Structure formats: C-alpha cells, structure tokens
Amino acid sequence: MKKTFLTFVLVSAGIVLGIISCDDNSNSLGNFGIDIATVIPEGDNAYSLQLDNGKKLWPAASVIRYAPSYNQRVFLNYTILSDAQSGYDHYIKVNDIWNILTKQVIELNAQNADSIGHDPVKTNAVWVGGDYLNVSFMFNYGGIKPHAINLVQNRLSAEGSANAIDLEFRHNAYQSEESRLYEGFVCFDLKPLRDNETDSVKLSVKVKNWEGDITYDVTYRYGNSSVTTRTEMPIPVISSNEYY
C-alpha cells in the first residue's frame, strides 16, 4: 500500500482554485475568479457564499438564476465589485455557478456493502477545505448507468488507525464498460466527524486506485480557513449525470 502525506500543496495537482485575468484594476468587471465555495441560503432565494479561505461573498449582481440549498458546494465564477462592507469580505457579480456533488459520509455495513461497490478510480488530489473533504478523481465510464461515489466508514474491516478516523473512498461502476475516461469532483461533509474535546481530527482516507490501494492522511481543523491557492489551469470538465 502506498501512503501519501498531504501538506495542502495543490498547484501541481491540476485543480482549479482560481483564474484571474490580467487587469491592473482588481475590481474591474473584466476580472474574474473561479473558486470552490459553500452556498449559504439567506431566504427568499437569496444566498451568500463562503470560500474555503473563510472569505464571505455577497452576490450583489448575477447574470444567472440560481436556487440555493444548504451545504451545497459549488464552482463559482465571479467578479469582485467591492471591498469589505456589511459584514462581507466582498460584494461580487456571479458570472456562473456549477453545483458540485456534495454528500455525507456514510457507514459501510453488511446491508449496503454490495451497493457501495469497490471499483478502482484514479485520484488526482484529496484535501480538506471549508469543512469538506474535496476529491478530484477520474473514472472509466461506458455510458450505461451513472456510477456511485461515496466516502464510507468501514464497519466490516478489523483494521484501524490508532489516532485517526479511517475512511474509504468507494466507487461502484455497476459493471460498466471501460470505454471512456471521465473527470469527477466530489465534496464530503466532515462536520459530523468533529470531536468536541479537540479542535482537529486526523483522517486516513483509503482509495482503491488503478495501481493498488493508496492512503491519504489529512487533518481536519474545525473552522480553520484553507490557504488561498490559485492556478491558471482550466477547471475539470465535469458532468453530474455520469456519477452520483
């Protein structure tokens, strides 16, 4: 088994956490950024957004209609309109917004083991941001039935880490033909894993990769903002109807 220790260096992983155009005026309407954010419904279809670095954004303008829901993670294309005001770090214009598959961690047991599956994937990156475990991955898809993606606590395994919560990234391909490679991105809510007596928990995330098992050891620190990480690589081409 290979073991990977992450120190939150993601630029080399090819994940998009921001794209900024080259304009000297940081609040120019020609500037835009692309980031991962969490949606915060504010009532009457209004919403705010929180980036993984902790910054709070208020959509003062938008070119699209969006129906917000709690604990929804999104890729956000936005333009900064102002500096801090009214309790927000920035007022923004929403240029586009894409929902990211956002799920809860579930228990793997004898009743659901068959439906959870254990087919291989290729993980591009696994990291903690904004109370979520973010996973960028690739999988083979034959176009017959959407694949199932889950993060589980395996109650069937006798193995266990002494000082970490053991999790497994699971993929059910439903015996799909491996005819085409797709990119995927999913976020898992980590808040239920908090320990009230500490300010952080260690997570050991095992993934069945194409070359064998690989384990990502990460730390979830409650309420801590992630470091701001930007890269100029394009965001993954993700279509939500190929996996759920």
C-alpha atoms as a PDB file:
ATOM      1  CA  MET A   1       0.000   0.000   0.000  1.00  0.00           C
ATOM      2  CA  LYS A   2       1.289   3.419  -0.904  1.00  0.00           C
ATOM      3  CA  LYS A   3       0.809   6.237   1.584  1.00  0.00           C
ATOM      4  CA  THR A   4       0.653   9.899   0.640  1.00  0.00           C
ATOM      5  CA  PHE A   5       1.029  12.708   3.180  1.00  0.00           C
ATOM      6  CA  LEU A   6      -0.617  15.944   2.032  1.00  0.00           C
ATOM      7  CA  THR A   7       0.570  19.345   3.207  1.00  0.00           C
ATOM      8  CA  PHE A   8      -2.012  21.242   1.171  1.00  0.00           C
ATOM      9  CA  VAL A   9       0.173  21.906  -1.848  1.00  0.00           C
ATOM     10  CA  LEU A  10      -2.333  21.651  -4.679  1.00  0.00           C
ATOM     11  CA  VAL A  11      -0.958  23.663  -7.562  1.00  0.00           C
ATOM     12  CA  SER A  12       0.783  20.620  -9.036  1.00  0.00           C
ATOM     13  CA  ALA A  13      -2.414  18.574  -8.777  1.00  0.00           C
ATOM     14  CA  GLY A  14      -4.092  20.481 -11.600  1.00  0.00           C
ATOM     15  CA  ILE A  15      -7.087  21.561  -9.527  1.00  0.00           C
ATOM     16  CA  VAL A  16      -8.644  24.893 -10.306  1.00  0.00           C
ATOM     17  CA  LEU A  17      -8.999  27.129  -7.303  1.00  0.00           C
ATOM     18  CA  GLY A  18      -8.887  30.382  -9.232  1.00  0.00           C
ATOM     19  CA  ILE A  19      -8.343  32.097 -12.548  1.00  0.00           C
ATOM     20  CA  ILE A  20      -7.659  35.822 -12.705  1.00  0.00           C
ATOM     21  CA  SER A  21      -7.411  37.892 -15.861  1.00  0.00           C
ATOM     22  CA  CYS A  22      -4.556  40.330 -16.352  1.00  0.00           C
ATOM     23  CA  ASP A  23      -6.006  43.729 -15.451  1.00  0.00           C
ATOM     24  CA  ASP A  24      -4.332  46.144 -13.044  1.00  0.00           C
ATOM     25  CA  ASN A  25      -7.691  47.183 -11.571  1.00  0.00           C
ATOM     26  CA  SER A  26      -8.626  44.373  -9.172  1.00  0.00           C
ATOM     27  CA  ASN A  27     -12.313  45.412  -9.150  1.00  0.00           C
ATOM     28  CA  SER A  28     -12.615  45.728 -12.923  1.00  0.00           C
ATOM     29  CA  LEU A  29     -15.605  43.971 -14.479  1.00  0.00           C
ATOM     30  CA  GLY A  30     -13.108  42.373 -16.843  1.00  0.00           C
ATOM     31  CA  ASN A  31     -11.551  40.456 -13.956  1.00  0.00           C
ATOM     32  CA  PHE A  32     -12.957  37.158 -12.775  1.00  0.00           C
ATOM     33  CA  GLY A  33     -12.040  34.344 -10.420  1.00  0.00           C
ATOM     34  CA  ILE A  34     -13.052  30.697 -10.195  1.00  0.00           C
ATOM     35  CA  ASP A  35     -13.116  29.178  -6.725  1.00  0.00           C
ATOM     36  CA  ILE A  36     -14.739  26.435  -4.709  1.00  0.00           C
ATOM     37  CA  ALA A  37     -17.372  27.827  -2.349  1.00  0.00           C
ATOM     38  CA  THR A  38     -20.118  26.729   0.029  1.00  0.00           C
ATOM     39  CA  VAL A  39     -23.633  28.106  -0.511  1.00  0.00           C
ATOM     40  CA  ILE A  40     -25.389  29.753   2.454  1.00  0.00           C
ATOM     41  CA  PRO A  41     -29.136  30.306   1.794  1.00  0.00           C
ATOM     42  CA  GLU A  42     -30.361  33.643   3.154  1.00  0.00           C
ATOM     43  CA  GLY A  43     -34.114  33.289   2.467  1.00  0.00           C
ATOM     44  CA  ASP A  44     -36.364  34.222  -0.479  1.00  0.00           C
ATOM     45  CA  ASN A  45     -33.892  32.552  -2.890  1.00  0.00           C
ATOM     46  CA  ALA A  46     -31.145  34.911  -1.735  1.00  0.00           C
ATOM     47  CA  TYR A  47     -27.804  33.423  -0.783  1.00  0.00           C
ATOM     48  CA  SER A  48     -24.269  34.234   0.208  1.00  0.00           C
ATOM     49  CA  LEU A  49     -21.112  32.223  -0.391  1.00  0.00           C
ATOM     50  CA  GLN A  50     -18.117  31.285   1.697  1.00  0.00           C
ATOM     51  CA  LEU A  51     -14.780  30.441   0.133  1.00  0.00           C
ATOM     52  CA  ASP A  52     -12.511  27.797   1.625  1.00  0.00           C
ATOM     53  CA  ASN A  53     -10.189  30.570   2.802  1.00  0.00           C
ATOM     54  CA  GLY A  54     -13.028  31.840   5.013  1.00  0.00           C
ATOM     55  CA  LYS A  55     -13.954  34.904   2.961  1.00  0.00           C
ATOM     56  CA  LYS A  56     -17.663  35.686   2.771  1.00  0.00           C
ATOM     57  CA  LEU A  57     -19.125  36.903  -0.517  1.00  0.00           C
ATOM     58  CA  TRP A  58     -22.420  38.640  -1.225  1.00  0.00           C
ATOM     59  CA  PRO A  59     -23.818  38.291  -4.780  1.00  0.00           C
ATOM     60  CA  ALA A  60     -24.845  41.883  -5.413  1.00  0.00           C
ATOM     61  CA  ALA A  61     -25.303  41.115  -9.111  1.00  0.00           C
ATOM     62  CA  SER A  62     -25.743  37.966 -11.157  1.00  0.00           C
ATOM     63  CA  VAL A  63     -26.163  37.069 -14.799  1.00  0.00           C
ATOM     64  CA  ILE A  64     -27.816  33.723 -13.961  1.00  0.00           C
ATOM     65  CA  ARG A  65     -30.656  32.485 -11.760  1.00  0.00           C
ATOM     66  CA  TYR A  66     -29.644  30.062  -9.031  1.00  0.00           C
ATOM     67  CA  ALA A  67     -31.723  28.147  -6.465  1.00  0.00           C
ATOM     68  CA  PRO A  68     -29.627  27.822  -3.297  1.00  0.00           C
ATOM     69  CA  SER A  69     -29.628  24.865  -0.911  1.00  0.00           C
ATOM     70  CA  TYR A  70     -27.861  24.247   2.392  1.00  0.00           C
ATOM     71  CA  ASN A  71     -24.436  22.593   2.427  1.00  0.00           C
ATOM     72  CA  GLN A  72     -24.170  22.770  -1.362  1.00  0.00           C
ATOM     73  CA  ARG A  73     -20.651  23.094  -2.724  1.00  0.00           C
ATOM     74  CA  VAL A  74     -20.117  24.934  -5.996  1.00  0.00           C
ATOM     75  CA  PHE A  75     -17.559  26.058  -8.519  1.00  0.00           C
ATOM     76  CA  LEU A  76     -18.036  29.822  -8.580  1.00  0.00           C
ATOM     77  CA  ASN A  77     -17.086  32.136 -11.441  1.00  0.00           C
ATOM     78  CA  TYR A  78     -17.249  35.654 -10.042  1.00  0.00           C
ATOM     79  CA  THR A  79     -16.075  39.232 -10.332  1.00  0.00           C
ATOM     80  CA  ILE A  80     -15.247  41.293  -7.241  1.00  0.00           C
ATOM     81  CA  LEU A  81     -17.279  44.516  -7.107  1.00  0.00           C
ATOM     82  CA  SER A  82     -16.175  45.967  -3.765  1.00  0.00           C
ATOM     83  CA  ASP A  83     -14.022  45.525  -0.718  1.00  0.00           C
ATOM     84  CA  ALA A  84     -15.428  44.631   2.710  1.00  0.00           C
ATOM     85  CA  GLN A  85     -18.832  46.023   3.637  1.00  0.00           C
ATOM     86  CA  SER A  86     -21.978  44.981   5.544  1.00  0.00           C
ATOM     87  CA  GLY A  87     -20.243  42.000   7.135  1.00  0.00           C
ATOM     88  CA  TYR A  88     -18.963  40.538   3.861  1.00  0.00           C
ATOM     89  CA  ASP A  89     -15.413  40.499   2.580  1.00  0.00           C
ATOM     90  CA  HIS A  90     -16.576  41.363  -0.929  1.00  0.00           C
ATOM     91  CA  TYR A  91     -19.660  42.166  -2.924  1.00  0.00           C
ATOM     92  CA  ILE A  92     -19.461  40.170  -6.145  1.00  0.00           C
ATOM     93  CA  LYS A  93     -21.069  39.615  -9.506  1.00  0.00           C
ATOM     94  CA  VAL A  94     -21.850  35.933 -10.153  1.00  0.00           C
ATOM     95  CA  ASN A  95     -20.849  35.148 -13.726  1.00  0.00           C
ATOM     96  CA  ASP A  96     -21.627  31.440 -13.467  1.00  0.00           C
ATOM     97  CA  ILE A  97     -22.089  28.787 -10.814  1.00  0.00           C
ATOM     98  CA  TRP A  98     -21.938  24.980 -11.033  1.00  0.00           C
ATOM     99  CA  ASN A  99     -23.115  22.611  -8.326  1.00  0.00           C
ATOM    100  CA  ILE A 100     -20.533  20.100  -7.109  1.00  0.00           C
ATOM    101  CA  LEU A 101     -21.716  16.677  -5.976  1.00  0.00           C
ATOM    102  CA  THR A 102     -21.911  17.128  -2.195  1.00  0.00           C
ATOM    103  CA  LYS A 103     -22.523  14.133   0.069  1.00  0.00           C
ATOM    104  CA  GLN A 104     -22.438  12.908   3.650  1.00  0.00           C
ATOM    105  CA  VAL A 105     -20.019  10.294   4.949  1.00  0.00           C
ATOM    106  CA  ILE A 106     -21.927   7.015   5.344  1.00  0.00           C
ATOM    107  CA  GLU A 107     -21.388   3.765   7.219  1.00  0.00           C
ATOM    108  CA  LEU A 108     -20.373   0.685   5.243  1.00  0.00           C
ATOM    109  CA  ASN A 109     -22.041  -2.414   6.674  1.00  0.00           C
ATOM    110  CA  ALA A 110     -23.290  -5.830   5.605  1.00  0.00           C
ATOM    111  CA  GLN A 111     -26.600  -4.402   4.376  1.00  0.00           C
ATOM    112  CA  ASN A 112     -25.165  -1.883   1.905  1.00  0.00           C
ATOM    113  CA  ALA A 113     -21.775  -3.399   1.005  1.00  0.00           C
ATOM    114  CA  ASP A 114     -22.910  -4.646  -2.422  1.00  0.00           C
ATOM    115  CA  SER A 115     -24.424  -1.322  -3.481  1.00  0.00           C
ATOM    116  CA  ILE A 116     -21.410   0.711  -2.309  1.00  0.00           C
ATOM    117  CA  GLY A 117     -19.026  -1.182  -4.615  1.00  0.00           C
ATOM    118  CA  HIS A 118     -15.241  -1.261  -4.657  1.00  0.00           C
ATOM    119  CA  ASP A 119     -14.179  -0.431  -8.205  1.00  0.00           C
ATOM    120  CA  PRO A 120     -10.925   1.459  -8.866  1.00  0.00           C
ATOM    121  CA  VAL A 121     -10.554   5.153  -9.674  1.00  0.00           C
ATOM    122  CA  LYS A 122      -7.618   7.479 -10.261  1.00  0.00           C
ATOM    123  CA  THR A 123      -7.378  10.200  -7.632  1.00  0.00           C
ATOM    124  CA  ASN A 124      -5.855  13.487  -8.739  1.00  0.00           C
ATOM    125  CA  ALA A 125      -5.995  15.130  -5.305  1.00  0.00           C
ATOM    126  CA  VAL A 126      -7.600  14.722  -1.889  1.00  0.00           C
ATOM    127  CA  TRP A 127      -7.656  17.599   0.606  1.00  0.00           C
ATOM    128  CA  VAL A 128      -9.687  19.302   3.331  1.00  0.00           C
ATOM    129  CA  GLY A 129     -11.228  22.715   2.685  1.00  0.00           C
ATOM    130  CA  GLY A 130     -14.163  24.573   4.183  1.00  0.00           C
ATOM    131  CA  ASP A 131     -15.375  21.700   6.443  1.00  0.00           C
ATOM    132  CA  TYR A 132     -15.331  19.327   3.482  1.00  0.00           C
ATOM    133  CA  LEU A 133     -13.126  16.624   2.064  1.00  0.00           C
ATOM    134  CA  ASN A 134     -12.587  17.556  -1.583  1.00  0.00           C
ATOM    135  CA  VAL A 135     -11.724  14.795  -4.037  1.00  0.00           C
ATOM    136  CA  SER A 136     -10.722  15.226  -7.673  1.00  0.00           C
ATOM    137  CA  PHE A 137     -10.753  11.888  -9.461  1.00  0.00           C
ATOM    138  CA  MET A 138     -11.007  10.116 -12.819  1.00  0.00           C
ATOM    139  CA  PHE A 139     -13.017   7.017 -13.701  1.00  0.00           C
ATOM    140  CA  ASN A 140     -13.810   4.820 -16.689  1.00  0.00           C
ATOM    141  CA  TYR A 141     -17.404   5.104 -17.865  1.00  0.00           C
ATOM    142  CA  GLY A 142     -19.324   3.186 -20.507  1.00  0.00           C
ATOM    143  CA  GLY A 143     -22.397   5.397 -20.747  1.00  0.00           C
ATOM    144  CA  ILE A 144     -24.911   2.836 -19.457  1.00  0.00           C
ATOM    145  CA  LYS A 145     -25.649   3.775 -15.842  1.00  0.00           C
ATOM    146  CA  PRO A 146     -24.293   6.589 -13.655  1.00  0.00           C
ATOM    147  CA  HIS A 147     -21.668   5.397 -11.207  1.00  0.00           C
ATOM    148  CA  ALA A 148     -21.989   5.665  -7.426  1.00  0.00           C
ATOM    149  CA  ILE A 149     -19.377   7.619  -5.447  1.00  0.00           C
ATOM    150  CA  ASN A 150     -19.227   7.526  -1.641  1.00  0.00           C
ATOM    151  CA  LEU A 151     -16.994   8.118   1.352  1.00  0.00           C
ATOM    152  CA  VAL A 152     -17.547   5.455   3.998  1.00  0.00           C
ATOM    153  CA  GLN A 153     -16.568   4.399   7.473  1.00  0.00           C
ATOM    154  CA  ASN A 154     -15.989   0.677   7.014  1.00  0.00           C
ATOM    155  CA  ARG A 155     -17.566  -1.178   9.937  1.00  0.00           C
ATOM    156  CA  LEU A 156     -16.727  -4.510   8.280  1.00  0.00           C
ATOM    157  CA  SER A 157     -12.964  -4.042   8.485  1.00  0.00           C
ATOM    158  CA  ALA A 158     -10.971  -5.177  11.511  1.00  0.00           C
ATOM    159  CA  GLU A 159      -8.132  -2.824  10.597  1.00  0.00           C
ATOM    160  CA  GLY A 160      -7.981   0.593  12.174  1.00  0.00           C
ATOM    161  CA  SER A 161      -5.680   3.513  12.853  1.00  0.00           C
ATOM    162  CA  ALA A 162      -4.784   4.288  16.454  1.00  0.00           C
ATOM    163  CA  ASN A 163      -5.073   8.073  16.173  1.00  0.00           C
ATOM    164  CA  ALA A 164      -7.133   8.731  13.026  1.00  0.00           C
ATOM    165  CA  ILE A 165     -10.625   8.246  11.638  1.00  0.00           C
ATOM    166  CA  ASP A 166     -10.427   5.617   8.904  1.00  0.00           C
ATOM    167  CA  LEU A 167     -12.409   6.403   5.758  1.00  0.00           C
ATOM    168  CA  GLU A 168     -12.642   4.765   2.341  1.00  0.00           C
ATOM    169  CA  PHE A 169     -13.422   6.435  -0.983  1.00  0.00           C
ATOM    170  CA  ARG A 170     -15.712   3.969  -2.763  1.00  0.00           C
ATOM    171  CA  HIS A 171     -16.797   3.690  -6.404  1.00  0.00           C
ATOM    172  CA  ASN A 172     -19.441   1.393  -7.891  1.00  0.00           C
ATOM    173  CA  ALA A 173     -19.105   1.132 -11.679  1.00  0.00           C
ATOM    174  CA  TYR A 174     -22.101  -1.230 -11.943  1.00  0.00           C
ATOM    175  CA  GLN A 175     -20.060  -3.454 -14.292  1.00  0.00           C
ATOM    176  CA  SER A 176     -19.896  -0.628 -16.806  1.00  0.00           C
ATOM    177  CA  GLU A 177     -17.695  -0.981 -19.870  1.00  0.00           C
ATOM    178  CA  GLU A 178     -14.453   0.962 -19.550  1.00  0.00           C
ATOM    179  CA  SER A 179     -14.863   2.831 -22.815  1.00  0.00           C
ATOM    180  CA  ARG A 180     -14.112   6.433 -21.858  1.00  0.00           C
ATOM    181  CA  LEU A 181     -12.237   8.310 -19.151  1.00  0.00           C
ATOM    182  CA  TYR A 182     -14.217  10.934 -17.244  1.00  0.00           C
ATOM    183  CA  GLU A 183     -13.228  13.517 -14.656  1.00  0.00           C
ATOM    184  CA  GLY A 184     -15.133  13.828 -11.409  1.00  0.00           C
ATOM    185  CA  PHE A 185     -15.186  16.084  -8.375  1.00  0.00           C
ATOM    186  CA  VAL A 186     -16.992  15.485  -5.095  1.00  0.00           C
ATOM    187  CA  CYS A 187     -17.122  17.076  -1.637  1.00  0.00           C
ATOM    188  CA  PHE A 188     -17.970  15.226   1.579  1.00  0.00           C
ATOM    189  CA  ASP A 189     -19.288  16.997   4.678  1.00  0.00           C
ATOM    190  CA  LEU A 190     -16.869  16.441   7.576  1.00  0.00           C
ATOM    191  CA  LYS A 191     -18.741  18.314  10.302  1.00  0.00           C
ATOM    192  CA  PRO A 192     -20.335  15.141  11.780  1.00  0.00           C
ATOM    193  CA  LEU A 193     -16.816  13.773  12.393  1.00  0.00           C
ATOM    194  CA  ARG A 194     -15.843  16.548  14.807  1.00  0.00           C
ATOM    195  CA  ASP A 195     -14.699  15.681  18.306  1.00  0.00           C
ATOM    196  CA  ASN A 196     -15.980  18.268  20.788  1.00  0.00           C
ATOM    197  CA  GLU A 197     -12.932  17.790  23.004  1.00  0.00           C
ATOM    198  CA  THR A 198     -10.393  18.728  20.328  1.00  0.00           C
ATOM    199  CA  ASP A 199     -10.006  21.360  17.608  1.00  0.00           C
ATOM    200  CA  SER A 200      -8.987  18.885  14.914  1.00  0.00           C
ATOM    201  CA  VAL A 201      -9.174  15.242  13.850  1.00  0.00           C
ATOM    202  CA  LYS A 202      -6.848  13.221  11.676  1.00  0.00           C
ATOM    203  CA  LEU A 203      -8.366  11.405   8.713  1.00  0.00           C
ATOM    204  CA  SER A 204      -6.907   8.397   6.932  1.00  0.00           C
ATOM    205  CA  VAL A 205      -8.601   8.092   3.530  1.00  0.00           C
ATOM    206  CA  LYS A 206      -8.005   4.873   1.603  1.00  0.00           C
ATOM    207  CA  VAL A 207      -8.639   4.777  -2.150  1.00  0.00           C
ATOM    208  CA  LYS A 208      -8.578   1.780  -4.481  1.00  0.00           C
ATOM    209  CA  ASN A 209      -6.502   3.202  -7.317  1.00  0.00           C
ATOM    210  CA  TRP A 210      -5.774   1.539 -10.639  1.00  0.00           C
ATOM    211  CA  GLU A 211      -2.328   0.553  -9.396  1.00  0.00           C
ATOM    212  CA  GLY A 212      -3.494  -0.584  -5.939  1.00  0.00           C
ATOM    213  CA  ASP A 213      -4.541   0.961  -2.640  1.00  0.00           C
ATOM    214  CA  ILE A 214      -3.305   4.423  -1.720  1.00  0.00           C
ATOM    215  CA  THR A 215      -3.946   6.236   1.569  1.00  0.00           C
ATOM    216  CA  TYR A 216      -4.189   9.997   2.034  1.00  0.00           C
ATOM    217  CA  ASP A 217      -3.524  11.252   5.564  1.00  0.00           C
ATOM    218  CA  VAL A 218      -5.081  14.684   6.127  1.00  0.00           C
ATOM    219  CA  THR A 219      -6.077  16.793   9.118  1.00  0.00           C
ATOM    220  CA  TYR A 220      -9.486  18.397   9.526  1.00  0.00           C
ATOM    221  CA  ARG A 221      -9.208  21.540  11.647  1.00  0.00           C
ATOM    222  CA  TYR A 222     -12.600  22.922  12.630  1.00  0.00           C
ATOM    223  CA  GLY A 223     -13.299  26.430  11.451  1.00  0.00           C
ATOM    224  CA  ASN A 224      -9.803  26.936  10.106  1.00  0.00           C
ATOM    225  CA  SER A 225      -9.706  28.602   6.723  1.00  0.00           C
ATOM    226  CA  SER A 226      -7.715  26.952   3.998  1.00  0.00           C
ATOM    227  CA  VAL A 227      -4.752  28.712   2.493  1.00  0.00           C
ATOM    228  CA  THR A 228      -5.543  30.588  -0.681  1.00  0.00           C
ATOM    229  CA  THR A 229      -4.312  28.562  -3.626  1.00  0.00           C
ATOM    230  CA  ARG A 230      -4.602  29.674  -7.238  1.00  0.00           C
ATOM    231  CA  THR A 231      -3.528  28.199 -10.516  1.00  0.00           C
ATOM    232  CA  GLU A 232      -4.131  29.087 -14.127  1.00  0.00           C
ATOM    233  CA  MET A 233      -5.057  25.569 -15.236  1.00  0.00           C
ATOM    234  CA  PRO A 234      -8.632  25.080 -16.543  1.00  0.00           C
ATOM    235  CA  ILE A 235     -11.239  23.554 -14.251  1.00  0.00           C
ATOM    236  CA  PRO A 236     -12.138  19.873 -14.725  1.00  0.00           C
ATOM    237  CA  VAL A 237     -14.820  19.113 -17.314  1.00  0.00           C
ATOM    238  CA  ILE A 238     -17.458  17.646 -15.027  1.00  0.00           C
ATOM    239  CA  SER A 239     -20.933  16.405 -15.970  1.00  0.00           C
ATOM    240  CA  SER A 240     -23.029  15.482 -12.956  1.00  0.00           C
ATOM    241  CA  ASN A 241     -25.141  12.857 -14.734  1.00  0.00           C
ATOM    242  CA  GLU A 242     -22.257  10.385 -15.003  1.00  0.00           C
ATOM    243  CA  TYR A 243     -21.924   9.792 -11.256  1.00  0.00           C
ATOM    244  CA  TYR A 244     -23.858  10.447  -8.097  1.00  0.00           C
END
